Protein backbone atom coordinates (compact mmCIF):
# COMPACT_ATOMS: atom_id res chain seq x y z
CA MET A 1 115.50 96.08 36.60
CA LYS A 2 114.42 99.63 37.42
CA ASN A 3 110.80 98.42 37.64
CA LEU A 4 111.79 95.62 40.02
CA LYS A 5 113.56 98.12 42.31
CA SER A 6 110.46 100.32 42.33
CA ILE A 7 108.27 97.36 43.29
CA ALA A 8 110.70 96.32 46.03
CA LEU A 9 110.83 99.88 47.40
CA ALA A 10 107.02 100.11 47.36
CA LEU A 11 106.81 96.78 49.21
CA VAL A 12 109.25 98.00 51.90
CA VAL A 13 107.19 101.21 52.36
CA VAL A 14 103.93 99.27 52.64
CA LEU A 15 105.37 96.75 55.12
CA SER A 16 106.89 99.49 57.29
CA THR A 17 103.54 101.28 57.60
CA VAL A 18 101.53 98.18 58.52
CA SER A 19 100.67 98.45 62.19
CA ILE A 20 101.50 95.63 64.55
CA SER A 21 98.38 93.58 65.10
CA ALA A 22 97.05 93.12 68.61
CA GLN A 23 97.39 89.79 70.35
CA THR A 24 94.88 88.89 73.04
CA LYS A 25 96.06 86.61 75.83
CA LYS A 26 93.25 84.97 77.75
CA VAL A 27 93.94 84.78 81.48
CA ASP A 28 93.63 81.33 83.07
CA ALA A 29 91.20 82.06 85.90
CA THR A 30 91.88 78.71 87.58
CA LYS A 31 95.61 79.45 87.93
CA SER A 32 95.33 83.17 88.73
CA THR A 33 94.90 84.55 92.26
CA ILE A 34 93.50 87.65 93.91
CA HIS A 35 94.41 88.03 97.58
CA TRP A 36 92.79 90.79 99.68
CA VAL A 37 93.60 92.38 103.03
CA GLY A 38 91.18 94.57 104.97
CA LYS A 39 92.48 96.38 108.04
CA LYS A 40 90.78 97.68 111.15
CA VAL A 41 92.04 99.36 114.32
CA THR A 42 92.32 96.06 116.20
CA GLY A 43 93.83 93.95 113.40
CA GLN A 44 93.03 92.74 109.93
CA HIS A 45 91.35 90.04 107.89
CA GLU A 46 92.55 88.54 104.66
CA GLY A 47 91.26 86.22 102.02
CA THR A 48 90.68 85.57 98.36
CA VAL A 49 88.24 86.33 95.58
CA ASN A 50 88.20 84.47 92.26
CA LEU A 51 88.76 85.86 88.82
CA LYS A 52 85.81 84.94 86.61
CA ASP A 53 87.60 85.71 83.33
CA GLY A 54 90.02 88.17 81.84
CA LYS A 55 92.34 89.06 79.02
CA LEU A 56 95.40 91.16 78.34
CA VAL A 57 95.96 92.77 74.95
CA PHE A 58 99.49 93.15 73.59
CA LYS A 59 100.74 94.98 70.53
CA GLY A 60 103.97 93.27 69.72
CA LYS A 61 105.55 92.68 73.13
CA LYS A 62 103.98 95.80 74.71
CA LEU A 63 100.89 95.72 76.91
CA ALA A 64 98.08 97.72 75.30
CA GLY A 65 94.86 96.81 77.15
CA GLY A 66 92.95 94.51 79.44
CA LEU A 67 89.53 93.51 80.73
CA PHE A 68 88.73 91.50 83.86
CA ASN A 69 85.61 90.19 85.59
CA VAL A 70 85.77 89.13 89.24
CA ASP A 71 83.31 86.67 90.83
CA MET A 72 82.36 88.59 93.99
CA THR A 73 80.25 85.66 95.24
CA SER A 74 83.53 83.74 95.74
CA LEU A 75 84.78 86.31 98.28
CA THR A 76 86.05 84.49 101.37
CA SER A 77 88.27 85.02 104.37
CA THR A 78 91.28 82.75 104.77
CA ASP A 79 92.24 83.74 108.33
CA LEU A 80 89.14 82.41 110.10
CA THR A 81 87.39 79.05 110.44
CA GLY A 82 84.03 77.74 111.55
CA GLU A 83 81.32 80.07 112.84
CA TYR A 84 83.52 83.21 112.63
CA LEU A 85 84.37 82.48 108.99
CA GLY A 86 80.68 82.15 108.14
CA LYS A 87 79.82 85.38 109.96
CA LEU A 88 82.57 87.42 108.28
CA ASN A 89 81.89 86.00 104.81
CA GLY A 90 78.18 86.69 105.23
CA HIS A 91 78.84 90.25 106.36
CA LEU A 92 81.30 90.93 103.50
CA LYS A 93 78.72 89.68 100.97
CA SER A 94 75.90 91.73 102.56
CA GLU A 95 74.79 95.23 101.53
CA ASP A 96 77.03 96.66 104.29
CA PHE A 97 80.00 95.72 102.10
CA PHE A 98 79.91 94.22 98.59
CA GLY A 99 76.21 93.30 98.14
CA THR A 100 77.10 90.21 96.11
CA GLU A 101 73.51 89.06 95.64
CA LYS A 102 72.70 92.22 93.69
CA PHE A 103 76.25 92.79 92.35
CA PRO A 104 77.83 89.35 91.74
CA THR A 105 80.54 90.68 89.41
CA SER A 106 83.08 93.49 89.58
CA THR A 107 84.95 94.61 86.46
CA LEU A 108 88.18 96.33 85.52
CA VAL A 109 88.67 97.82 82.05
CA PHE A 110 92.08 99.23 81.11
CA LYS A 111 91.74 102.72 79.62
CA LYS A 112 95.38 103.82 79.36
CA VAL A 113 98.64 101.85 79.47
CA VAL A 114 102.02 103.60 79.66
CA ALA A 115 105.36 101.78 79.70
CA LYS A 116 107.21 102.62 82.93
CA SER A 117 110.26 100.38 82.45
CA ALA A 118 111.05 97.05 80.83
CA ASN A 119 107.88 94.91 81.23
CA VAL A 120 106.37 97.28 83.83
CA TYR A 121 103.39 99.43 82.91
CA THR A 122 101.38 102.15 84.62
CA VAL A 123 97.74 101.25 83.98
CA THR A 124 94.75 103.54 84.40
CA GLY A 125 91.43 101.75 84.29
CA ASP A 126 87.78 101.90 85.21
CA LEU A 127 86.97 99.70 88.21
CA THR A 128 83.30 98.91 88.84
CA ILE A 129 82.22 97.58 92.26
CA LYS A 130 78.58 97.57 93.43
CA GLY A 131 77.55 99.30 90.19
CA LYS A 132 79.82 102.30 90.87
CA THR A 133 82.71 103.02 88.48
CA ASN A 134 85.84 104.95 89.40
CA SER A 135 89.21 105.42 87.76
CA ILE A 136 92.20 103.71 89.39
CA THR A 137 95.91 103.74 88.54
CA PHE A 138 98.42 101.02 89.39
CA ASP A 139 101.62 99.41 88.12
CA LEU A 140 101.50 96.02 86.41
CA ALA A 141 104.58 93.85 85.79
CA THR A 142 104.44 91.30 82.96
CA THR A 143 106.39 88.28 81.76
CA ALA A 144 105.77 86.02 78.78
CA ASN A 145 102.99 84.15 80.62
CA SER A 146 102.13 86.11 83.77
CA ALA A 147 101.36 89.53 85.22
CA THR A 148 101.39 90.81 88.81
CA THR A 149 100.29 93.89 90.70
CA ALA A 150 99.60 95.13 94.21
CA LEU A 151 97.18 97.99 94.73
CA LYS A 152 94.95 99.71 97.25
CA ILE A 153 91.27 100.47 96.65
CA ASP A 154 89.30 103.11 98.56
CA ARG A 155 86.08 101.22 99.30
CA THR A 156 84.15 104.40 100.18
CA LYS A 157 84.26 105.45 96.49
CA TYR A 158 82.06 102.40 95.82
CA ASP A 159 79.51 103.26 98.52
CA ILE A 160 81.02 100.78 101.00
CA LYS A 161 80.99 102.94 104.12
CA TYR A 162 80.34 100.45 106.93
CA GLY A 163 82.65 101.16 109.88
CA SER A 164 84.42 104.01 108.07
CA GLY A 165 85.86 106.70 110.33
CA SER A 166 85.49 109.08 107.39
CA PHE A 167 81.70 108.84 107.63
CA PHE A 168 80.88 107.83 111.20
CA ASP A 169 81.94 109.32 114.54
CA ASN A 170 82.72 107.51 117.78
CA LEU A 171 83.69 104.17 116.20
CA GLY A 172 86.72 103.83 118.46
CA ASP A 173 88.36 100.44 117.99
CA LYS A 174 85.52 99.36 115.67
CA ALA A 175 86.79 101.59 112.82
CA ILE A 176 87.68 99.85 109.56
CA SER A 177 90.22 101.30 107.12
CA ASP A 178 88.74 102.92 104.02
CA GLU A 179 91.30 101.15 101.85
CA PHE A 180 91.67 97.46 101.19
CA GLU A 181 94.71 95.92 99.55
CA LEU A 182 94.80 93.55 96.60
CA THR A 183 97.69 91.38 95.43
CA VAL A 184 97.00 89.92 92.01
CA ALA A 185 98.89 87.18 90.15
CA LEU A 186 97.63 86.44 86.65
CA LYS A 187 98.60 83.42 84.55
CA PHE A 188 97.97 83.18 80.81
């Protein structure tokens, strides 16, 4: 009987020290959305860009990591039509902005995840756009099968300086904000 208790105690100790294994949840790129807004002195443009693939890593029920690839060639405006749509999309994909021919994919790799409140995390990650990588921090809310965030990105950190009042003088009403906004809804 004493031997059985010792075995049971040893089993409890072993089981309590086993770490929780990570669970990877693949993001459904076809059901997920990335909406962007770019502002200028005289107004704004908005549109979408498609997620190529992505995953979130959970340990137990807690977010622990993530990796995302964005198809920059899918970048499009949703507030214009016809000739103006073609012109804006072409300009956004040109070297003045995202250079999608040379840089068809942007990536985000989570580096640090800290629980902020129930199912809300502060994420610090490496964002790569146009071959330039910078650290960004944002909050991400999760549910059992989705995650959402809204964040602002300073485009000038990725060598996207076209129309920036921070780099060019006398732009007047042609100045474009250095930041663009993203609203992301992930489904998995």
